[in-house]
PDB file of N, CA and C in Angstrom:
ATOM      1  N   MET A   1       5.121  -6.124   4.571  1.00  0.00           N
ATOM      2  CA  MET A   1       6.271  -6.443   3.839  1.00  0.00           C
ATOM      3  C   MET A   1       6.017  -6.791   2.432  1.00  0.00           C
ATOM      4  N   ASP A   2       6.681  -6.262   1.581  1.00  0.00           N
ATOM      5  CA  ASP A   2       6.499  -6.351   0.101  1.00  0.00           C
ATOM      6  C   ASP A   2       7.414  -6.938  -0.981  1.00  0.00           C
ATOM      7  N   LEU A   3       8.191  -7.928  -0.097  1.00  0.00           N
ATOM      8  CA  LEU A   3       9.235  -8.644  -0.947  1.00  0.00           C
ATOM      9  C   LEU A   3       8.476  -9.700  -1.681  1.00  0.00           C
ATOM     10  N   THR A   4       9.116  -9.965  -2.786  1.00  0.00           N
ATOM     11  CA  THR A   4       8.656 -11.259  -3.499  1.00  0.00           C
ATOM     12  C   THR A   4       9.003 -12.686  -2.807  1.00  0.00           C
ATOM     13  N   LEU A   5       8.466 -13.531  -3.091  1.00  0.00           N
ATOM     14  CA  LEU A   5       8.816 -15.072  -2.572  1.00  0.00           C
ATOM     15  C   LEU A   5      10.538 -15.130  -2.868  1.00  0.00           C
ATOM     16  N   SER A   6      10.938 -14.693  -3.952  1.00  0.00           N
ATOM     17  CA  SER A   6      12.194 -14.979  -4.323  1.00  0.00           C
ATOM     18  C   SER A   6      13.306 -14.070  -3.598  1.00  0.00           C
ATOM     19  N   GLU A   7      12.912 -12.849  -3.186  1.00  0.00           N
ATOM     20  CA  GLU A   7      13.490 -11.891  -2.201  1.00  0.00           C
ATOM     21  C   GLU A   7      13.369 -12.334  -0.906  1.00  0.00           C
ATOM     22  N   LEU A   8      12.359 -12.734  -0.483  1.00  0.00           N
ATOM     23  CA  LEU A   8      12.065 -13.292   0.631  1.00  0.00           C
ATOM     24  C   LEU A   8      13.104 -14.419   1.292  1.00  0.00           C
ATOM     25  N   SER A   9      13.195 -15.457   0.198  1.00  0.00           N
ATOM     26  CA  SER A   9      13.742 -16.501   0.337  1.00  0.00           C
ATOM     27  C   SER A   9      15.336 -16.416   0.328  1.00  0.00           C
ATOM     28  N   GLN A  10      15.872 -15.438  -0.595  1.00  0.00           N
ATOM     29  CA  GLN A  10      17.159 -14.925  -0.453  1.00  0.00           C
ATOM     30  C   GLN A  10      17.521 -14.250   0.892  1.00  0.00           C
ATOM     31  N   ARG A  11      16.385 -13.530   1.303  1.00  0.00           N
ATOM     32  CA  ARG A  11      16.800 -12.703   2.764  1.00  0.00           C
ATOM     33  C   ARG A  11      17.100 -13.451   3.611  1.00  0.00           C
ATOM     34  N   LEU A  12      16.048 -14.565   3.786  1.00  0.00           N
ATOM     35  CA  LEU A  12      16.211 -15.804   4.588  1.00  0.00           C
ATOM     36  C   LEU A  12      17.511 -16.617   4.645  1.00  0.00           C
ATOM     37  N   ALA A  13      17.774 -16.625   3.295  1.00  0.00           N
ATOM     38  CA  ALA A  13      19.065 -17.485   3.318  1.00  0.00           C
ATOM     39  C   ALA A  13      20.438 -16.783   3.909  1.00  0.00           C
ATOM     40  N   GLU A  14      20.247 -15.385   3.679  1.00  0.00           N
ATOM     41  CA  GLU A  14      21.204 -14.428   4.466  1.00  0.00           C
ATOM     42  C   GLU A  14      21.401 -14.868   5.953  1.00  0.00           C
ATOM     43  N   HIS A  15      20.167 -15.185   6.363  1.00  0.00           N
ATOM     44  CA  HIS A  15      20.282 -15.365   7.825  1.00  0.00           C
ATOM     45  C   HIS A  15      20.485 -17.106   8.106  1.00  0.00           C
ATOM     46  N   GLY A  16      20.938 -17.808   7.251  1.00  0.00           N
ATOM     47  CA  GLY A  16      20.905 -19.410   7.435  1.00  0.00           C
ATOM     48  C   GLY A  16      19.819 -20.187   7.356  1.00  0.00           C
ATOM     49  N   VAL A  17      18.732 -19.652   6.940  1.00  0.00           N
ATOM     50  CA  VAL A  17      17.531 -20.429   6.493  1.00  0.00           C
ATOM     51  C   VAL A  17      17.376 -20.719   5.046  1.00  0.00           C
ATOM     52  N   VAL A  18      17.446 -21.842   4.715  1.00  0.00           N
ATOM     53  CA  VAL A  18      17.394 -22.240   3.164  1.00  0.00           C
ATOM     54  C   VAL A  18      16.184 -22.926   3.184  1.00  0.00           C
ATOM     55  N   ILE A  19      15.334 -22.286   1.980  1.00  0.00           N
ATOM     56  CA  ILE A  19      14.031 -22.774   1.668  1.00  0.00           C
ATOM     57  C   ILE A  19      13.548 -22.333   0.260  1.00  0.00           C
ATOM     58  N   LYS A  20      12.998 -23.302  -0.361  1.00  0.00           N
ATOM     59  CA  LYS A  20      12.634 -22.916  -1.633  1.00  0.00           C
ATOM     60  C   LYS A  20      11.409 -22.100  -1.881  1.00  0.00           C
ATOM     61  N   THR A  21      11.070 -21.481  -2.895  1.00  0.00           N
ATOM     62  CA  THR A  21      10.158 -20.449  -2.909  1.00  0.00           C
ATOM     63  C   THR A  21       8.717 -21.067  -2.727  1.00  0.00           C
ATOM     64  N   THR A  22       8.584 -22.393  -3.530  1.00  0.00           N
ATOM     65  CA  THR A  22       7.237 -22.970  -3.341  1.00  0.00           C
ATOM     66  C   THR A  22       7.079 -23.356  -1.696  1.00  0.00           C
ATOM     67  N   ALA A  23       7.964 -23.745  -1.096  1.00  0.00           N
ATOM     68  CA  ALA A  23       7.938 -24.505   0.222  1.00  0.00           C
ATOM     69  C   ALA A  23       7.646 -23.123   1.122  1.00  0.00           C
ATOM     70  N   LEU A  24       8.073 -21.837   0.839  1.00  0.00           N
ATOM     71  CA  LEU A  24       7.966 -20.668   1.240  1.00  0.00           C
ATOM     72  C   LEU A  24       6.480 -20.424   1.190  1.00  0.00           C
ATOM     73  N   TRP A  25       6.072 -20.202  -0.079  1.00  0.00           N
ATOM     74  CA  TRP A  25       4.704 -19.836  -0.477  1.00  0.00           C
ATOM     75  C   TRP A  25       3.557 -20.705   0.486  1.00  0.00           C
ATOM     76  N   HIS A  26       3.936 -22.011   0.457  1.00  0.00           N
ATOM     77  CA  HIS A  26       3.001 -22.944   1.402  1.00  0.00           C
ATOM     78  C   HIS A  26       3.009 -22.581   2.807  1.00  0.00           C
ATOM     79  N   GLN A  27       4.318 -22.327   3.141  1.00  0.00           N
ATOM     80  CA  GLN A  27       4.393 -21.717   4.783  1.00  0.00           C
ATOM     81  C   GLN A  27       3.783 -20.616   4.961  1.00  0.00           C
ATOM     82  N   LEU A  28       3.718 -19.654   4.138  1.00  0.00           N
ATOM     83  CA  LEU A  28       3.092 -18.304   4.261  1.00  0.00           C
ATOM     84  C   LEU A  28       1.540 -18.432   4.224  1.00  0.00           C
ATOM     85  N   ASP A  29       1.167 -19.327   3.288  1.00  0.00           N
ATOM     86  CA  ASP A  29      -0.442 -19.330   3.193  1.00  0.00           C
ATOM     87  C   ASP A  29      -0.657 -20.099   4.381  1.00  0.00           C
ATOM     88  N   LYS A  30      -0.088 -21.248   5.120  1.00  0.00           N
ATOM     89  CA  LYS A  30      -0.435 -21.777   6.371  1.00  0.00           C
ATOM     90  C   LYS A  30      -0.491 -20.921   7.330  1.00  0.00           C
ATOM     91  N   TRP A  31       0.182 -19.794   7.464  1.00  0.00           N
ATOM     92  CA  TRP A  31       0.127 -18.629   8.367  1.00  0.00           C
ATOM     93  C   TRP A  31      -1.050 -17.657   8.125  1.00  0.00           C
ATOM     94  N   GLY A  32      -1.461 -17.912   6.974  1.00  0.00           N
ATOM     95  CA  GLY A  32      -2.724 -17.174   6.708  1.00  0.00           C
ATOM     96  C   GLY A  32      -2.211 -15.498   6.208  1.00  0.00           C
ATOM     97  N   LEU A  33      -1.024 -15.555   5.639  1.00  0.00           N
ATOM     98  CA  LEU A  33      -0.475 -14.164   5.090  1.00  0.00           C
ATOM     99  C   LEU A  33      -1.048 -14.204   3.716  1.00  0.00           C
ATOM    100  N   THR A  34      -1.841 -13.139   3.254  1.00  0.00           N
ATOM    101  CA  THR A  34      -2.254 -12.955   2.091  1.00  0.00           C
ATOM    102  C   THR A  34      -1.236 -11.885   1.118  1.00  0.00           C
ATOM    103  N   PHE A  35      -1.596 -11.693  -0.176  1.00  0.00           N
ATOM    104  CA  PHE A  35      -0.510 -10.686  -0.793  1.00  0.00           C
ATOM    105  C   PHE A  35      -1.350  -9.443  -1.605  1.00  0.00           C
ATOM    106  N   LYS A  36      -1.830  -8.757  -0.453  1.00  0.00           N
ATOM    107  CA  LYS A  36      -2.611  -7.476  -0.846  1.00  0.00           C
ATOM    108  C   LYS A  36      -1.868  -6.483  -0.320  1.00  0.00           C
ATOM    109  N   LYS A  37      -1.991  -5.178  -0.791  1.00  0.00           N
ATOM    110  CA  LYS A  37      -1.485  -4.025  -0.287  1.00  0.00           C
ATOM    111  C   LYS A  37      -2.573  -2.781  -0.541  1.00  0.00           C
ATOM    112  N   THR A  38      -2.434  -1.877   0.256  1.00  0.00           N
ATOM    113  CA  THR A  38      -3.089  -0.665   0.213  1.00  0.00           C
ATOM    114  C   THR A  38      -2.228   0.301   0.184  1.00  0.00           C
ATOM    115  N   LEU A  39      -2.041   1.272  -0.776  1.00  0.00           N
ATOM    116  CA  LEU A  39      -1.031   2.363  -1.039  1.00  0.00           C
ATOM    117  C   LEU A  39      -1.965   3.806  -0.530  1.00  0.00           C
ATOM    118  N   HIS A  40      -1.113   4.757   0.001  1.00  0.00           N
ATOM    119  CA  HIS A  40      -1.603   5.852   0.065  1.00  0.00           C
ATOM    120  C   HIS A  40      -0.332   6.839   0.110  1.00  0.00           C
ATOM    121  N   ALA A  41      -0.518   8.111  -0.483  1.00  0.00           N
ATOM    122  CA  ALA A  41       0.289   9.203  -0.449  1.00  0.00           C
ATOM    123  C   ALA A  41       1.366   9.431   0.657  1.00  0.00           C
ATOM    124  N   SER A  42       2.646   9.532   0.498  1.00  0.00           N
ATOM    125  CA  SER A  42       3.221   9.347   1.580  1.00  0.00           C
ATOM    126  C   SER A  42       3.229  10.960   2.300  1.00  0.00           C
ATOM    127  N   GLU A  43       2.735  11.753   1.289  1.00  0.00           N
ATOM    128  CA  GLU A  43       2.833  13.273   1.820  1.00  0.00           C
ATOM    129  C   GLU A  43       1.579  13.291   2.874  1.00  0.00           C
ATOM    130  N   GLN A  44       0.651  12.411   3.090  1.00  0.00           N
ATOM    131  CA  GLN A  44      -0.348  12.336   3.916  1.00  0.00           C
ATOM    132  C   GLN A  44       0.046  12.482   5.485  1.00  0.00           C
ATOM    133  N   GLU A  45       1.314  11.980   5.604  1.00  0.00           N
ATOM    134  CA  GLU A  45       2.079  11.987   6.795  1.00  0.00           C
ATOM    135  C   GLU A  45       2.518  13.319   7.316  1.00  0.00           C
ATOM    136  N   ARG A  46       2.740  14.274   6.411  1.00  0.00           N
ATOM    137  CA  ARG A  46       3.426  15.530   6.741  1.00  0.00           C
ATOM    138  C   ARG A  46       2.250  16.192   7.720  1.00  0.00           C
ATOM    139  N   GLU A  47       2.521  17.149   8.751  1.00  0.00           N
ATOM    140  CA  GLU A  47       1.451  17.756   9.525  1.00  0.00           C
ATOM    141  C   GLU A  47       0.830  18.830   8.420  1.00  0.00           C
ATOM    142  N   ASP A  48       1.666  19.576   7.611  1.00  0.00           N
ATOM    143  CA  ASP A  48       0.748  20.549   6.804  1.00  0.00           C
ATOM    144  C   ASP A  48       0.151  19.919   5.983  1.00  0.00           C
ATOM    145  N   VAL A  49       0.032  18.829   5.603  1.00  0.00           N
ATOM    146  CA  VAL A  49      -0.949  18.213   4.625  1.00  0.00           C
ATOM    147  C   VAL A  49      -2.096  17.796   5.416  1.00  0.00           C
ATOM    148  N   ALA A  50      -1.698  17.062   6.592  1.00  0.00           N
ATOM    149  CA  ALA A  50      -2.653  16.497   7.453  1.00  0.00           C
ATOM    150  C   ALA A  50      -3.670  17.635   7.831  1.00  0.00           C
ATOM    151  N   ALA A  51      -3.208  18.987   8.287  1.00  0.00           N
ATOM    152  CA  ALA A  51      -4.120  20.028   8.542  1.00  0.00           C
ATOM    153  C   ALA A  51      -4.803  20.330   7.614  1.00  0.00           C
ATOM    154  N   ALA A  52      -4.314  20.537   6.537  1.00  0.00           N
ATOM    155  CA  ALA A  52      -5.239  20.960   5.161  1.00  0.00           C
ATOM    156  C   ALA A  52      -6.266  19.740   4.521  1.00  0.00           C
ATOM    157  N   ARG A  53      -5.768  18.602   5.082  1.00  0.00           N
ATOM    158  CA  ARG A  53      -6.949  17.384   4.749  1.00  0.00           C
ATOM    159  C   ARG A  53      -8.085  17.685   6.016  1.00  0.00           C
ATOM    160  N   ARG A  54      -7.670  17.818   7.121  1.00  0.00           N
ATOM    161  CA  ARG A  54      -8.683  17.919   8.227  1.00  0.00           C
ATOM    162  C   ARG A  54      -9.690  19.163   7.821  1.00  0.00           C
ATOM    163  N   GLN A  55      -8.991  20.403   7.655  1.00  0.00           N
ATOM    164  CA  GLN A  55      -9.591  21.615   7.391  1.00  0.00           C
ATOM    165  C   GLN A  55     -10.861  21.260   6.104  1.00  0.00           C
ATOM    166  N   ARG A  56     -10.212  20.667   5.091  1.00  0.00           N
ATOM    167  CA  ARG A  56     -11.037  20.256   3.874  1.00  0.00           C
ATOM    168  C   ARG A  56     -12.325  19.464   4.229  1.00  0.00           C
ATOM    169  N   ARG A  57     -12.178  18.555   5.226  1.00  0.00           N
ATOM    170  CA  ARG A  57     -12.994  17.402   5.449  1.00  0.00           C
ATOM    171  C   ARG A  57     -14.154  18.040   6.261  1.00  0.00           C
ATOM    172  N   GLU A  58     -13.846  19.109   7.234  1.00  0.00           N
ATOM    173  CA  GLU A  58     -14.672  19.759   7.991  1.00  0.00           C
ATOM    174  C   GLU A  58     -15.607  20.998   7.051  1.00  0.00           C
ATOM    175  N   SER A  59     -14.854  21.361   5.754  1.00  0.00           N
ATOM    176  CA  SER A  59     -15.684  22.161   5.134  1.00  0.00           C
ATOM    177  C   SER A  59     -16.668  21.504   3.940  1.00  0.00           C
ATOM    178  N   GLN A  60     -16.431  20.094   3.861  1.00  0.00           N
ATOM    179  CA  GLN A  60     -17.255  19.363   3.033  1.00  0.00           C
ATOM    180  C   GLN A  60     -18.700  19.527   3.275  1.00  0.00           C
ATOM    181  N   PRO A  61     -19.373  19.603   4.533  1.00  0.00           N
ATOM    182  CA  PRO A  61     -20.808  19.835   4.665  1.00  0.00           C
ATOM    183  C   PRO A  61     -21.177  20.880   4.021  1.00  0.00           C
ATOM    184  N   THR A  62     -20.690  21.815   3.692  1.00  0.00           N
ATOM    185  CA  THR A  62     -21.156  23.242   3.090  1.00  0.00           C
ATOM    186  C   THR A  62     -20.858  23.300   1.560  1.00  0.00           C
ATOM    187  N   LEU A  63     -20.407  22.205   0.979  1.00  0.00           N
ATOM    188  CA  LEU A  63     -20.201  22.229  -0.467  1.00  0.00           C
ATOM    189  C   LEU A  63     -21.485  22.275  -1.184  1.00  0.00           C
ATOM    190  N   GLU A  64     -21.667  22.917  -2.380  1.00  0.00           N
ATOM    191  CA  GLU A  64     -22.826  22.779  -3.117  1.00  0.00           C
ATOM    192  C   GLU A  64     -22.671  21.528  -4.086  1.00  0.00           C
ATOM    193  N   VAL A  65     -23.318  20.556  -3.880  1.00  0.00           N
ATOM    194  CA  VAL A  65     -23.274  19.366  -4.461  1.00  0.00           C
ATOM    195  C   VAL A  65     -23.479  19.572  -5.882  1.00  0.00           C
ATOM    196  N   ALA A  66     -24.203  20.259  -6.537  1.00  0.00           N
ATOM    197  CA  ALA A  66     -24.569  20.483  -7.978  1.00  0.00           C
ATOM    198  C   ALA A  66     -23.280  21.008  -8.619  1.00  0.00           C
ATOM    199  N   LYS A  67     -22.379  21.353  -7.914  1.00  0.00           N
ATOM    200  CA  LYS A  67     -21.251  22.137  -8.507  1.00  0.00           C
ATOM    201  C   LYS A  67     -20.141  21.115  -8.325  1.00  0.00           C
ATOM    202  N   LEU A  68     -20.145  20.174  -8.038  1.00  0.00           N
ATOM    203  CA  LEU A  68     -18.871  19.061  -7.797  1.00  0.00           C
ATOM    204  C   LEU A  68     -18.916  18.546  -8.996  1.00  0.00           C
ATOM    205  N   VAL A  69     -17.466  18.174  -9.379  1.00  0.00           N
ATOM    206  CA  VAL A  69     -17.000  17.651 -10.574  1.00  0.00           C
ATOM    207  C   VAL A  69     -16.198  16.471 -10.165  1.00  0.00           C
ATOM    208  N   PHE A  70     -16.233  15.351 -10.855  1.00  0.00           N
ATOM    209  CA  PHE A  70     -15.526  13.995 -10.362  1.00  0.00           C
ATOM    210  C   PHE A  70     -14.810  13.694 -11.653  1.00  0.00           C
ATOM    211  N   LEU A  71     -13.400  13.399 -11.388  1.00  0.00           N
ATOM    212  CA  LEU A  71     -12.497  12.841 -12.161  1.00  0.00           C
ATOM    213  C   LEU A  71     -12.431  11.439 -12.149  1.00  0.00           C
ATOM    214  N   ASP A  72     -12.084  10.788 -13.110  1.00  0.00           N
ATOM    215  CA  ASP A  72     -11.991   9.272 -13.091  1.00  0.00           C
ATOM    216  C   ASP A  72     -10.367   9.127 -13.385  1.00  0.00           C
ATOM    217  N   GLU A  73      -9.879   8.626 -12.114  1.00  0.00           N
ATOM    218  CA  GLU A  73      -8.230   8.407 -12.111  1.00  0.00           C
ATOM    219  C   GLU A  73      -7.905   7.056 -12.030  1.00  0.00           C
ATOM    220  N   THR A  74      -8.671   5.993 -12.591  1.00  0.00           N
ATOM    221  CA  THR A  74      -8.658   4.684 -12.451  1.00  0.00           C
ATOM    222  C   THR A  74      -7.566   4.239 -13.270  1.00  0.00           C
ATOM    223  N   GLY A  75      -7.000   4.986 -14.233  1.00  0.00           N
ATOM    224  CA  GLY A  75      -5.885   4.616 -15.043  1.00  0.00           C
ATOM    225  C   GLY A  75      -4.675   5.100 -14.522  1.00  0.00           C
ATOM    226  N   ALA A  76      -4.707   5.744 -13.472  1.00  0.00           N
ATOM    227  CA  ALA A  76      -3.566   6.465 -13.054  1.00  0.00           C
ATOM    228  C   ALA A  76      -2.559   5.322 -12.277  1.00  0.00           C
ATOM    229  N   SER A  77      -1.433   5.620 -12.321  1.00  0.00           N
ATOM    230  CA  SER A  77      -0.416   4.545 -11.596  1.00  0.00           C
ATOM    231  C   SER A  77       0.836   5.207 -11.085  1.00  0.00           C
ATOM    232  N   THR A  78       1.383   5.021  -9.930  1.00  0.00           N
ATOM    233  CA  THR A  78       2.664   5.567  -9.530  1.00  0.00           C
ATOM    234  C   THR A  78       3.685   4.785 -10.234  1.00  0.00           C
ATOM    235  N   ASN A  79       3.702   3.750 -10.403  1.00  0.00           N
ATOM    236  CA  ASN A  79       4.954   2.601 -10.906  1.00  0.00           C
ATOM    237  C   ASN A  79       6.045   2.906  -9.962  1.00  0.00           C
ATOM    238  N   LEU A  80       6.027   3.569  -8.935  1.00  0.00           N
ATOM    239  CA  LEU A  80       7.370   3.638  -8.273  1.00  0.00           C
ATOM    240  C   LEU A  80       7.418   2.594  -7.055  1.00  0.00           C
ATOM    241  N   THR A  81       6.305   1.758  -6.985  1.00  0.00           N
ATOM    242  CA  THR A  81       6.447   0.776  -5.409  1.00  0.00           C
ATOM    243  C   THR A  81       5.769  -0.383  -6.133  1.00  0.00           C
ATOM    244  N   ARG A  82       5.868  -1.349  -5.341  1.00  0.00           N
ATOM    245  CA  ARG A  82       5.240  -2.726  -5.708  1.00  0.00           C
ATOM    246  C   ARG A  82       3.629  -2.436  -5.122  1.00  0.00           C
ATOM    247  N   THR A  83       2.902  -3.111  -5.774  1.00  0.00           N
ATOM    248  CA  THR A  83       1.391  -2.877  -5.626  1.00  0.00           C
ATOM    249  C   THR A  83       0.723  -4.001  -4.599  1.00  0.00           C
ATOM    250  N   CYS A  84       1.807  -4.993  -4.228  1.00  0.00           N
ATOM    251  CA  CYS A  84       1.425  -5.974  -3.625  1.00  0.00           C
ATOM    252  C   CYS A  84       2.338  -6.284  -2.201  1.00  0.00           C
ATOM    253  N   GLY A  85       1.880  -6.792  -1.131  1.00  0.00           N
ATOM    254  CA  GLY A  85       2.700  -6.949   0.034  1.00  0.00           C
ATOM    255  C   GLY A  85       1.986  -7.994   0.769  1.00  0.00           C
ATOM    256  N   ARG A  86       2.616  -8.628   1.989  1.00  0.00           N
ATOM    257  CA  ARG A  86       2.017  -9.719   2.462  1.00  0.00           C
ATOM    258  C   ARG A  86       1.535  -9.301   3.928  1.00  0.00           C
ATOM    259  N   ALA A  87       0.448  -9.470   4.323  1.00  0.00           N
ATOM    260  CA  ALA A  87      -0.409  -9.534   5.748  1.00  0.00           C
ATOM    261  C   ALA A  87      -1.276 -10.323   6.153  1.00  0.00           C
ATOM    262  N   PRO A  88      -1.408 -10.648   7.204  1.00  0.00           N
ATOM    263  CA  PRO A  88      -2.611 -11.518   8.025  1.00  0.00           C
ATOM    264  C   PRO A  88      -3.883 -11.596   7.039  1.00  0.00           C
ATOM    265  N   LYS A  89      -4.635 -12.632   6.722  1.00  0.00           N
ATOM    266  CA  LYS A  89      -5.795 -12.762   6.122  1.00  0.00           C
ATOM    267  C   LYS A  89      -6.769 -11.577   6.785  1.00  0.00           C
ATOM    268  N   GLY A  90      -7.532 -10.853   5.698  1.00  0.00           N
ATOM    269  CA  GLY A  90      -8.444 -10.020   6.340  1.00  0.00           C
ATOM    270  C   GLY A  90      -7.860  -8.746   6.639  1.00  0.00           C
ATOM    271  N   GLU A  91      -6.655  -8.536   6.413  1.00  0.00           N
ATOM    272  CA  GLU A  91      -5.818  -7.225   6.846  1.00  0.00           C
ATOM    273  C   GLU A  91      -5.021  -6.859   5.485  1.00  0.00           C
ATOM    274  N   ARG A  92      -4.672  -5.617   5.366  1.00  0.00           N
ATOM    275  CA  ARG A  92      -4.067  -5.125   4.341  1.00  0.00           C
ATOM    276  C   ARG A  92      -2.550  -4.758   4.636  1.00  0.00           C
ATOM    277  N   CYS A  93      -1.868  -4.881   3.777  1.00  0.00           N
ATOM    278  CA  CYS A  93      -0.327  -4.390   3.926  1.00  0.00           C
ATOM    279  C   CYS A  93      -0.525  -2.962   3.562  1.00  0.00           C
ATOM    280  N   LEU A  94      -0.231  -1.995   4.488  1.00  0.00           N
ATOM    281  CA  LEU A  94      -0.073  -0.699   4.351  1.00  0.00           C
ATOM    282  C   LEU A  94       1.208  -0.039   3.885  1.00  0.00           C
ATOM    283  N   ALA A  95       1.241   0.969   2.893  1.00  0.00           N
ATOM    284  CA  ALA A  95       2.603   1.492   2.435  1.00  0.00           C
ATOM    285  C   ALA A  95       2.363   2.991   2.006  1.00  0.00           C
ATOM    286  N   ALA A  96       3.312   3.994   2.175  1.00  0.00           N
ATOM    287  CA  ALA A  96       3.295   5.137   1.745  1.00  0.00           C
ATOM    288  C   ALA A  96       3.858   5.247   0.314  1.00  0.00           C
ATOM    289  N   VAL A  97       3.361   5.930  -0.626  1.00  0.00           N
ATOM    290  CA  VAL A  97       4.185   6.160  -1.976  1.00  0.00           C
ATOM    291  C   VAL A  97       4.107   7.608  -2.112  1.00  0.00           C
ATOM    292  N   PRO A  98       5.237   8.193  -2.786  1.00  0.00           N
ATOM    293  CA  PRO A  98       5.223   9.561  -3.023  1.00  0.00           C
ATOM    294  C   PRO A  98       4.353   9.872  -4.182  1.00  0.00           C
ATOM    295  N   HIS A  99       3.877  10.973  -3.845  1.00  0.00           N
ATOM    296  CA  HIS A  99       2.776  11.592  -4.811  1.00  0.00           C
ATOM    297  C   HIS A  99       3.673  12.351  -5.932  1.00  0.00           C
ATOM    298  N   GLY A 100       3.475  11.651  -7.173  1.00  0.00           N
ATOM    299  CA  GLY A 100       4.318  12.471  -8.315  1.00  0.00           C
ATOM    300  C   GLY A 100       3.470  13.595  -8.934  1.00  0.00           C
ATOM    301  N   HIS A 101       4.239  14.522  -9.324  1.00  0.00           N
ATOM    302  CA  HIS A 101       3.585  15.620 -10.078  1.00  0.00           C
ATOM    303  C   HIS A 101       4.098  15.691 -11.524  1.00  0.00           C
ATOM    304  N   TRP A 102       3.616  14.718 -12.263  1.00  0.00           N
ATOM    305  CA  TRP A 102       4.059  14.722 -13.762  1.00  0.00           C
ATOM    306  C   TRP A 102       3.279  15.216 -14.718  1.00  0.00           C
TER     307      TRP A 102
END
């Protein structure tokens, strides 16, 4: 669940539950829900992509380590989805996001 506290409060109000965001935050904290999320490319769920990933993983032991090149993509951002979501403590909220070719 990647709703903000305000959005979650509004959603609850639609179902007759009126609660302030601070009270909601305390309740979520009491239940042990944290606000962390792990994103992965939604294309990973396609069968053709999954097959290509399996094939690549199986071929990795034969790669020549001296010829590997590593790219630093720490500055990359999808900006298409929220980067946080609620899940029980010790777990991550998992979500798929489209992989853009820009």
